[in-house]
Amino acid sequence: MISNILFVGFGGALGAISRFGINEIMERHLINSSSYSVLLVNVLGCFLIGLIIGTSMPEKNTMYYFFIIGFLGSFTTMSALTYETIEIANTNLIHAVSYIIITVVITIAATYIGTIIAK
């Protein structure tokens, strides 16, 4: 259990550093908008988790905790959302679509409410 926590933590640190690095590079050298770097990170993270799922559903071993939960979980939350959606869709497509819609609507609403409260 402790080793899994360490793998998640180490992977998470590398994922966060990678996300920050991509954001900095894009803002300094390509475009002056973090929206595009967020989009790139989310697409890249979803592509990577798709490659992993496409190969085989990951076994919960060291690499699972390090790369999927730690690295990709911190690199992008979209990879976690898409992974969960694929797992739900394997048993119930309507539930998976509902999960996506509810997640997007509620998280946008929560962000908006947070900004209103902060003012």
Protein backbone atom coordinates (compact mmCIF):
# COMPACT_ATOMS: atom_id res chain seq x y z
CA MET A 1 0.00 0.00 0.00
CA ILE A 2 2.73 2.49 0.97
CA SER A 3 4.72 1.71 -2.18
CA ASN A 4 1.63 2.40 -4.33
CA ILE A 5 1.24 5.77 -2.63
CA LEU A 6 4.88 6.58 -3.37
CA PHE A 7 4.48 5.58 -7.02
CA VAL A 8 1.37 7.77 -7.34
CA GLY A 9 3.18 10.67 -5.67
CA PHE A 10 6.29 10.38 -7.83
CA GLY A 11 4.25 9.99 -11.02
CA GLY A 12 2.03 12.88 -9.97
CA ALA A 13 5.03 15.14 -9.41
CA LEU A 14 6.40 14.33 -12.87
CA GLY A 15 2.97 14.83 -14.45
CA ALA A 16 2.54 18.23 -12.82
CA ILE A 17 6.04 19.31 -13.85
CA SER A 18 5.38 18.13 -17.42
CA ARG A 19 2.09 20.02 -17.59
CA PHE A 20 3.75 23.17 -16.27
CA GLY A 21 6.65 22.78 -18.72
CA ILE A 22 4.38 22.41 -21.74
CA ASN A 23 2.38 25.43 -20.63
CA GLU A 24 5.51 27.55 -20.20
CA ILE A 25 6.99 26.51 -23.55
CA MET A 26 3.78 27.21 -25.45
CA GLU A 27 3.19 30.57 -23.80
CA ARG A 28 6.77 31.76 -24.32
CA HIS A 29 7.48 30.45 -27.79
CA LEU A 30 4.27 29.68 -29.64
CA ILE A 31 1.13 31.41 -28.46
CA ASN A 32 0.16 33.70 -25.63
CA SER A 33 -2.78 31.70 -24.33
CA SER A 34 -2.87 28.98 -21.71
CA SER A 35 -6.13 27.66 -23.21
CA TYR A 36 -4.25 26.03 -26.07
CA SER A 37 -1.66 24.46 -23.79
CA VAL A 38 -4.47 23.04 -21.63
CA LEU A 39 -6.10 21.67 -24.77
CA LEU A 40 -2.82 20.13 -25.93
CA VAL A 41 -2.18 18.55 -22.53
CA ASN A 42 -5.72 17.17 -22.31
CA VAL A 43 -5.60 15.72 -25.83
CA LEU A 44 -2.14 14.24 -25.29
CA GLY A 45 -3.12 12.72 -21.94
CA CYS A 46 -6.31 11.23 -23.39
CA PHE A 47 -4.36 9.85 -26.35
CA LEU A 48 -1.85 8.19 -24.01
CA ILE A 49 -4.53 6.63 -21.82
CA GLY A 50 -6.29 5.48 -25.00
CA LEU A 51 -3.11 3.74 -26.12
CA ILE A 52 -2.87 1.99 -22.78
CA ILE A 53 -6.52 0.95 -22.69
CA GLY A 54 -6.40 -0.04 -26.36
CA THR A 55 -3.52 -2.40 -25.71
CA SER A 56 -5.30 -4.04 -22.78
CA MET A 57 -7.13 -2.89 -19.71
CA PRO A 58 -4.30 -2.00 -17.35
CA GLU A 59 -3.40 -4.34 -14.54
CA LYS A 60 -3.13 -2.55 -11.21
CA ASN A 61 0.62 -2.91 -10.86
CA THR A 62 3.48 -0.49 -10.23
CA MET A 63 3.24 1.12 -13.67
CA TYR A 64 -0.52 1.54 -13.29
CA TYR A 65 -0.08 3.53 -10.07
CA PHE A 66 2.91 5.47 -11.37
CA PHE A 67 1.77 6.30 -14.90
CA ILE A 68 -2.03 6.14 -15.05
CA ILE A 69 -2.98 7.30 -11.58
CA GLY A 70 0.07 9.43 -10.81
CA PHE A 71 1.50 10.88 -14.01
CA LEU A 72 -1.62 11.11 -16.19
CA GLY A 73 -3.83 11.92 -13.21
CA SER A 74 -1.75 14.99 -12.48
CA PHE A 75 -0.86 15.77 -16.10
CA THR A 76 -4.53 15.98 -17.02
CA THR A 77 -7.80 15.25 -15.29
CA MET A 78 -9.31 14.58 -18.70
CA SER A 79 -7.45 11.28 -18.86
CA ALA A 80 -9.12 10.19 -15.63
CA LEU A 81 -12.53 11.29 -16.93
CA THR A 82 -12.11 9.46 -20.21
CA TYR A 83 -10.79 6.33 -18.51
CA GLU A 84 -13.78 6.22 -16.16
CA THR A 85 -16.14 6.85 -19.09
CA ILE A 86 -14.68 3.94 -21.07
CA GLU A 87 -15.07 1.65 -18.06
CA ILE A 88 -18.71 2.71 -17.61
CA ALA A 89 -19.41 2.46 -21.36
CA ASN A 90 -18.25 -1.16 -21.35
CA THR A 91 -21.35 -2.00 -19.31
CA ASN A 92 -23.82 0.83 -19.93
CA LEU A 93 -23.48 3.35 -22.77
CA ILE A 94 -26.35 5.56 -21.58
CA HIS A 95 -24.80 5.77 -18.12
CA ALA A 96 -21.46 6.74 -19.71
CA VAL A 97 -23.01 9.54 -21.78
CA SER A 98 -24.91 10.77 -18.71
CA TYR A 99 -21.68 10.71 -16.71
CA ILE A 100 -19.94 12.93 -19.27
CA ILE A 101 -22.79 15.43 -19.50
CA ILE A 102 -23.28 15.63 -15.74
CA THR A 103 -19.55 15.98 -15.11
CA VAL A 104 -19.08 18.78 -17.63
CA VAL A 105 -22.21 20.71 -16.63
CA ILE A 106 -21.67 20.41 -12.89
CA THR A 107 -17.95 21.22 -12.97
CA ILE A 108 -18.53 24.31 -15.13
CA ALA A 109 -21.35 25.36 -12.80
CA ALA A 110 -19.16 24.78 -9.74
CA THR A 111 -16.38 26.88 -11.24
CA TYR A 112 -18.83 29.66 -12.09
CA ILE A 113 -20.37 29.57 -8.60
CA GLY A 114 -16.87 29.68 -7.10
CA THR A 115 -16.03 32.81 -9.09
CA ILE A 116 -19.30 34.46 -8.04
CA ILE A 117 -18.69 33.67 -4.37
CA ALA A 118 -15.09 34.94 -4.62
CA LYS A 119 -16.28 38.35 -5.84
